[in-house]
PDB file of all heavy atoms in Angstrom:
ATOM      1  N   ARG A   1      -2.187  -2.865   5.347  1.00  0.00           N
ATOM      2  CA  ARG A   1      -1.898  -3.269   6.717  1.00  0.00           C
ATOM      3  C   ARG A   1      -2.992  -2.768   7.645  1.00  0.00           C
ATOM      4  O   ARG A   1      -3.659  -1.773   7.371  1.00  0.00           O
ATOM      5  CB  ARG A   1      -0.533  -2.757   7.174  1.00  0.00           C
ATOM      6  CG  ARG A   1      -0.407  -1.248   7.279  1.00  0.00           C
ATOM      7  CD  ARG A   1       1.037  -0.863   7.581  1.00  0.00           C
ATOM      8  NE  ARG A   1       1.202   0.567   7.764  1.00  0.00           N
ATOM      9  CZ  ARG A   1       2.376   1.176   7.927  1.00  0.00           C
ATOM     10  NH1 ARG A   1       3.503   0.458   7.928  1.00  0.00           N
ATOM     11  NH2 ARG A   1       2.430   2.492   8.091  1.00  0.00           N
ATOM     12  N   GLN A   2      -3.150  -3.469   8.764  1.00  0.00           N
ATOM     13  CA  GLN A   2      -4.203  -3.124   9.700  1.00  0.00           C
ATOM     14  C   GLN A   2      -3.773  -3.419  11.130  1.00  0.00           C
ATOM     15  O   GLN A   2      -3.216  -4.475  11.415  1.00  0.00           O
ATOM     16  CB  GLN A   2      -5.485  -3.890   9.380  1.00  0.00           C
ATOM     17  CG  GLN A   2      -6.684  -3.464  10.208  1.00  0.00           C
ATOM     18  CD  GLN A   2      -7.969  -4.078   9.708  1.00  0.00           C
ATOM     19  OE1 GLN A   2      -7.969  -5.173   9.136  1.00  0.00           O
ATOM     20  NE2 GLN A   2      -9.079  -3.386   9.915  1.00  0.00           N
ATOM     21  N   VAL A   3      -4.060  -2.474  12.000  1.00  0.00           N
ATOM     22  CA  VAL A   3      -3.858  -2.620  13.438  1.00  0.00           C
ATOM     23  C   VAL A   3      -5.227  -2.810  14.070  1.00  0.00           C
ATOM     24  O   VAL A   3      -6.192  -2.142  13.672  1.00  0.00           O
ATOM     25  CB  VAL A   3      -3.165  -1.381  14.030  1.00  0.00           C
ATOM     26  CG1 VAL A   3      -3.030  -1.503  15.542  1.00  0.00           C
ATOM     27  CG2 VAL A   3      -1.811  -1.171  13.383  1.00  0.00           C
ATOM     28  N   PRO A   4      -5.360  -3.706  15.058  1.00  0.00           N
ATOM     29  CA  PRO A   4      -6.663  -3.891  15.704  1.00  0.00           C
ATOM     30  C   PRO A   4      -7.240  -2.574  16.192  1.00  0.00           C
ATOM     31  O   PRO A   4      -6.549  -1.775  16.832  1.00  0.00           O
ATOM     32  CB  PRO A   4      -6.341  -4.830  16.868  1.00  0.00           C
ATOM     33  CG  PRO A   4      -5.172  -5.621  16.385  1.00  0.00           C
ATOM     34  CD  PRO A   4      -4.357  -4.643  15.582  1.00  0.00           C
ATOM     35  N   GLY A   5      -8.509  -2.348  15.884  1.00  0.00           N
ATOM     36  CA  GLY A   5      -9.174  -1.134  16.285  1.00  0.00           C
ATOM     37  C   GLY A   5      -9.005   0.025  15.333  1.00  0.00           C
ATOM     38  O   GLY A   5      -9.589   1.093  15.563  1.00  0.00           O
ATOM     39  N   LYS A   6      -8.200  -0.151  14.284  1.00  0.00           N
ATOM     40  CA  LYS A   6      -7.987   0.900  13.311  1.00  0.00           C
ATOM     41  C   LYS A   6      -8.363   0.405  11.917  1.00  0.00           C
ATOM     42  O   LYS A   6      -8.452  -0.797  11.669  1.00  0.00           O
ATOM     43  CB  LYS A   6      -6.529   1.367  13.322  1.00  0.00           C
ATOM     44  CG  LYS A   6      -6.092   2.001  14.629  1.00  0.00           C
ATOM     45  CD  LYS A   6      -4.682   2.547  14.524  1.00  0.00           C
ATOM     46  CE  LYS A   6      -4.247   3.192  15.829  1.00  0.00           C
ATOM     47  NZ  LYS A   6      -5.057   4.396  16.128  1.00  0.00           N
ATOM     48  N   GLU A   7      -8.574   1.351  11.027  1.00  0.00           N
ATOM     49  CA  GLU A   7      -8.924   1.004   9.661  1.00  0.00           C
ATOM     50  C   GLU A   7      -7.719   0.454   8.914  1.00  0.00           C
ATOM     51  O   GLU A   7      -6.581   0.835   9.163  1.00  0.00           O
ATOM     52  CB  GLU A   7      -9.474   2.226   8.926  1.00  0.00           C
ATOM     53  CG  GLU A   7     -10.786   2.746   9.471  1.00  0.00           C
ATOM     54  CD  GLU A   7     -11.337   3.897   8.657  1.00  0.00           C
ATOM     55  OE1 GLU A   7     -10.685   4.296   7.668  1.00  0.00           O
ATOM     56  OE2 GLU A   7     -12.418   4.389   8.993  1.00  0.00           O
ATOM     57  N   ARG A   8      -7.998  -0.443   7.992  1.00  0.00           N
ATOM     58  CA  ARG A   8      -6.954  -0.954   7.127  1.00  0.00           C
ATOM     59  C   ARG A   8      -6.461   0.177   6.222  1.00  0.00           C
ATOM     60  O   ARG A   8      -7.252   0.986   5.726  1.00  0.00           O
ATOM     61  CB  ARG A   8      -7.489  -2.101   6.286  1.00  0.00           C
ATOM     62  CG  ARG A   8      -6.471  -2.760   5.387  1.00  0.00           C
ATOM     63  CD  ARG A   8      -7.136  -3.874   4.594  1.00  0.00           C
ATOM     64  NE  ARG A   8      -7.521  -4.985   5.456  1.00  0.00           N
ATOM     65  CZ  ARG A   8      -8.373  -5.934   5.090  1.00  0.00           C
ATOM     66  NH1 ARG A   8      -8.942  -5.914   3.899  1.00  0.00           N
ATOM     67  NH2 ARG A   8      -8.654  -6.907   5.937  1.00  0.00           N
ATOM     68  N   GLU A   9      -5.151   0.236   6.000  1.00  0.00           N
ATOM     69  CA  GLU A   9      -4.591   1.306   5.197  1.00  0.00           C
ATOM     70  C   GLU A   9      -3.715   0.747   4.079  1.00  0.00           C
ATOM     71  O   GLU A   9      -3.052  -0.280   4.246  1.00  0.00           O
ATOM     72  CB  GLU A   9      -3.774   2.272   6.060  1.00  0.00           C
ATOM     73  CG  GLU A   9      -2.558   1.650   6.715  1.00  0.00           C
ATOM     74  CD  GLU A   9      -1.755   2.655   7.515  1.00  0.00           C
ATOM     75  OE1 GLU A   9      -2.150   3.832   7.585  1.00  0.00           O
ATOM     76  OE2 GLU A   9      -0.708   2.259   8.076  1.00  0.00           O
ATOM     77  N   PRO A  10      -3.719   1.414   2.940  1.00  0.00           N
ATOM     78  CA  PRO A  10      -2.869   0.965   1.831  1.00  0.00           C
ATOM     79  C   PRO A  10      -1.402   1.273   2.115  1.00  0.00           C
ATOM     80  O   PRO A  10      -1.072   2.291   2.721  1.00  0.00           O
ATOM     81  CB  PRO A  10      -3.387   1.780   0.645  1.00  0.00           C
ATOM     82  CG  PRO A  10      -3.953   3.019   1.267  1.00  0.00           C
ATOM     83  CD  PRO A  10      -4.540   2.582   2.590  1.00  0.00           C
ATOM     84  N   VAL A  11      -0.535   0.393   1.648  1.00  0.00           N
ATOM     85  CA  VAL A  11       0.903   0.536   1.845  1.00  0.00           C
ATOM     86  C   VAL A  11       1.623   0.759   0.528  1.00  0.00           C
ATOM     87  O   VAL A  11       2.399   1.704   0.378  1.00  0.00           O
ATOM     88  CB  VAL A  11       1.485  -0.691   2.565  1.00  0.00           C
ATOM     89  CG1 VAL A  11       3.002  -0.566   2.699  1.00  0.00           C
ATOM     90  CG2 VAL A  11       0.835  -0.862   3.933  1.00  0.00           C
ATOM     91  N   ALA A  12       1.392  -0.128  -0.446  1.00  0.00           N
ATOM     92  CA  ALA A  12       2.078  -0.055  -1.724  1.00  0.00           C
ATOM     93  C   ALA A  12       1.343  -0.901  -2.741  1.00  0.00           C
ATOM     94  O   ALA A  12       0.563  -1.788  -2.378  1.00  0.00           O
ATOM     95  CB  ALA A  12       3.537  -0.526  -1.599  1.00  0.00           C
ATOM     96  N   ALA A  13       1.602  -0.649  -4.009  1.00  0.00           N
ATOM     97  CA  ALA A  13       1.010  -1.430  -5.076  1.00  0.00           C
ATOM     98  C   ALA A  13       1.941  -1.440  -6.274  1.00  0.00           C
ATOM     99  O   ALA A  13       2.779  -0.544  -6.437  1.00  0.00           O
ATOM    100  CB  ALA A  13      -0.361  -0.877  -5.476  1.00  0.00           C
ATOM    101  N   ILE A  14       1.782  -2.453  -7.108  1.00  0.00           N
ATOM    102  CA  ILE A  14       2.607  -2.575  -8.299  1.00  0.00           C
ATOM    103  C   ILE A  14       1.773  -3.126  -9.450  1.00  0.00           C
ATOM    104  O   ILE A  14       0.984  -4.057  -9.263  1.00  0.00           O
ATOM    105  CB  ILE A  14       3.846  -3.457  -8.032  1.00  0.00           C
ATOM    106  CG1 ILE A  14       4.782  -3.464  -9.234  1.00  0.00           C
ATOM    107  CG2 ILE A  14       3.439  -4.880  -7.647  1.00  0.00           C
ATOM    108  CD1 ILE A  14       6.156  -4.044  -8.927  1.00  0.00           C
ATOM    109  N   THR A  15       1.940  -2.538 -10.615  1.00  0.00           N
ATOM    110  CA  THR A  15       1.314  -3.046 -11.829  1.00  0.00           C
ATOM    111  C   THR A  15       2.210  -4.133 -12.400  1.00  0.00           C
ATOM    112  O   THR A  15       3.389  -3.892 -12.672  1.00  0.00           O
ATOM    113  CB  THR A  15       1.116  -1.927 -12.852  1.00  0.00           C
ATOM    114  OG1 THR A  15       0.305  -0.895 -12.283  1.00  0.00           O
ATOM    115  CG2 THR A  15       0.445  -2.450 -14.111  1.00  0.00           C
ATOM    116  N   LEU A  16       1.666  -5.319 -12.574  1.00  0.00           N
ATOM    117  CA  LEU A  16       2.494  -6.473 -12.885  1.00  0.00           C
ATOM    118  C   LEU A  16       3.128  -6.399 -14.265  1.00  0.00           C
ATOM    119  O   LEU A  16       4.252  -6.870 -14.454  1.00  0.00           O
ATOM    120  CB  LEU A  16       1.680  -7.761 -12.754  1.00  0.00           C
ATOM    121  CG  LEU A  16       1.130  -8.044 -11.354  1.00  0.00           C
ATOM    122  CD1 LEU A  16       0.416  -9.391 -11.334  1.00  0.00           C
ATOM    123  CD2 LEU A  16       2.242  -8.018 -10.321  1.00  0.00           C
ATOM    124  N   SER A  17       2.441  -5.827 -15.231  1.00  0.00           N
ATOM    125  CA  SER A  17       2.971  -5.798 -16.583  1.00  0.00           C
ATOM    126  C   SER A  17       4.090  -4.785 -16.771  1.00  0.00           C
ATOM    127  O   SER A  17       5.025  -5.031 -17.541  1.00  0.00           O
ATOM    128  CB  SER A  17       1.846  -5.513 -17.581  1.00  0.00           C
ATOM    129  OG  SER A  17       1.267  -4.246 -17.334  1.00  0.00           O
ATOM    130  N   THR A  18       4.012  -3.661 -16.083  1.00  0.00           N
ATOM    131  CA  THR A  18       4.967  -2.577 -16.282  1.00  0.00           C
ATOM    132  C   THR A  18       5.931  -2.376 -15.121  1.00  0.00           C
ATOM    133  O   THR A  18       6.982  -1.759 -15.304  1.00  0.00           O
ATOM    134  CB  THR A  18       4.241  -1.257 -16.521  1.00  0.00           C
ATOM    135  OG1 THR A  18       3.533  -0.882 -15.339  1.00  0.00           O
ATOM    136  CG2 THR A  18       3.263  -1.384 -17.686  1.00  0.00           C
ATOM    137  N   GLY A  19       5.578  -2.851 -13.942  1.00  0.00           N
ATOM    138  CA  GLY A  19       6.385  -2.613 -12.766  1.00  0.00           C
ATOM    139  C   GLY A  19       6.168  -1.256 -12.126  1.00  0.00           C
ATOM    140  O   GLY A  19       6.908  -0.881 -11.205  1.00  0.00           O
ATOM    141  N   ARG A  20       5.181  -0.514 -12.580  1.00  0.00           N
ATOM    142  CA  ARG A  20       4.890   0.783 -11.974  1.00  0.00           C
ATOM    143  C   ARG A  20       4.473   0.594 -10.525  1.00  0.00           C
ATOM    144  O   ARG A  20       3.698  -0.297 -10.203  1.00  0.00           O
ATOM    145  CB  ARG A  20       3.782   1.486 -12.754  1.00  0.00           C
ATOM    146  CG  ARG A  20       3.423   2.858 -12.207  1.00  0.00           C
ATOM    147  CD  ARG A  20       2.365   3.519 -13.056  1.00  0.00           C
ATOM    148  NE  ARG A  20       2.011   4.839 -12.552  1.00  0.00           N
ATOM    149  CZ  ARG A  20       1.140   5.651 -13.128  1.00  0.00           C
ATOM    150  NH1 ARG A  20       0.520   5.280 -14.247  1.00  0.00           N
ATOM    151  NH2 ARG A  20       0.887   6.840 -12.590  1.00  0.00           N
ATOM    152  N   THR A  21       4.971   1.459  -9.656  1.00  0.00           N
ATOM    153  CA  THR A  21       4.734   1.316  -8.222  1.00  0.00           C
ATOM    154  C   THR A  21       4.098   2.560  -7.633  1.00  0.00           C
ATOM    155  O   THR A  21       4.228   3.668  -8.169  1.00  0.00           O
ATOM    156  CB  THR A  21       6.038   1.030  -7.469  1.00  0.00           C
ATOM    157  OG1 THR A  21       6.971   2.090  -7.700  1.00  0.00           O
ATOM    158  CG2 THR A  21       6.654  -0.283  -7.939  1.00  0.00           C
ATOM    159  N   ASN A  22       3.421   2.370  -6.524  1.00  0.00           N
ATOM    160  CA  ASN A  22       2.847   3.443  -5.729  1.00  0.00           C
ATOM    161  C   ASN A  22       3.081   3.126  -4.265  1.00  0.00           C
ATOM    162  O   ASN A  22       3.076   1.960  -3.859  1.00  0.00           O
ATOM    163  CB  ASN A  22       1.348   3.598  -5.996  1.00  0.00           C
ATOM    164  CG  ASN A  22       1.035   4.033  -7.409  1.00  0.00           C
ATOM    165  OD1 ASN A  22       0.726   3.206  -8.270  1.00  0.00           O
ATOM    166  ND2 ASN A  22       1.127   5.331  -7.655  1.00  0.00           N
ATOM    167  N   TYR A  23       3.265   4.184  -3.465  1.00  0.00           N
ATOM    168  CA  TYR A  23       3.541   4.009  -2.049  1.00  0.00           C
ATOM    169  C   TYR A  23       2.770   5.017  -1.220  1.00  0.00           C
ATOM    170  O   TYR A  23       2.551   6.160  -1.641  1.00  0.00           O
ATOM    171  CB  TYR A  23       5.029   4.203  -1.751  1.00  0.00           C
ATOM    172  CG  TYR A  23       5.932   3.193  -2.407  1.00  0.00           C
ATOM    173  CD1 TYR A  23       6.522   3.458  -3.635  1.00  0.00           C
ATOM    174  CD2 TYR A  23       6.205   1.976  -1.788  1.00  0.00           C
ATOM    175  CE1 TYR A  23       7.352   2.535  -4.240  1.00  0.00           C
ATOM    176  CE2 TYR A  23       7.038   1.052  -2.388  1.00  0.00           C
ATOM    177  CZ  TYR A  23       7.607   1.340  -3.615  1.00  0.00           C
ATOM    178  OH  TYR A  23       8.436   0.414  -4.211  1.00  0.00           O
ATOM    179  N   ALA A  24       2.391   4.586  -0.027  1.00  0.00           N
ATOM    180  CA  ALA A  24       1.865   5.521   0.947  1.00  0.00           C
ATOM    181  C   ALA A  24       2.986   6.433   1.424  1.00  0.00           C
ATOM    182  O   ALA A  24       4.149   6.028   1.502  1.00  0.00           O
ATOM    183  CB  ALA A  24       1.263   4.767   2.130  1.00  0.00           C
ATOM    184  N   ASP A  25       2.641   7.670   1.752  1.00  0.00           N
ATOM    185  CA  ASP A  25       3.653   8.617   2.211  1.00  0.00           C
ATOM    186  C   ASP A  25       4.400   8.109   3.443  1.00  0.00           C
ATOM    187  O   ASP A  25       5.589   8.395   3.616  1.00  0.00           O
ATOM    188  CB  ASP A  25       3.008   9.969   2.516  1.00  0.00           C
ATOM    189  CG  ASP A  25       2.567  10.707   1.265  1.00  0.00           C
ATOM    190  OD1 ASP A  25       3.045  10.374   0.165  1.00  0.00           O
ATOM    191  OD2 ASP A  25       1.738  11.631   1.383  1.00  0.00           O
ATOM    192  N   SER A  26       3.720   7.360   4.285  1.00  0.00           N
ATOM    193  CA  SER A  26       4.313   6.901   5.528  1.00  0.00           C
ATOM    194  C   SER A  26       5.440   5.893   5.329  1.00  0.00           C
ATOM    195  O   SER A  26       6.230   5.671   6.254  1.00  0.00           O
ATOM    196  CB  SER A  26       3.239   6.295   6.433  1.00  0.00           C
ATOM    197  OG  SER A  26       2.615   5.189   5.803  1.00  0.00           O
ATOM    198  N   VAL A  27       5.530   5.281   4.143  1.00  0.00           N
ATOM    199  CA  VAL A  27       6.549   4.258   3.917  1.00  0.00           C
ATOM    200  C   VAL A  27       7.512   4.608   2.795  1.00  0.00           C
ATOM    201  O   VAL A  27       8.477   3.863   2.565  1.00  0.00           O
ATOM    202  CB  VAL A  27       5.915   2.883   3.635  1.00  0.00           C
ATOM    203  CG1 VAL A  27       4.953   2.500   4.746  1.00  0.00           C
ATOM    204  CG2 VAL A  27       5.204   2.871   2.287  1.00  0.00           C
TER     205      VAL A  27
END
């Protein structure tokens, strides 16, 4: 996600084969 004037930041990700997930602390 990105807000104008700020750097884009990672939110979450998922590995498609296993369903393993990762999240930013903020969410």
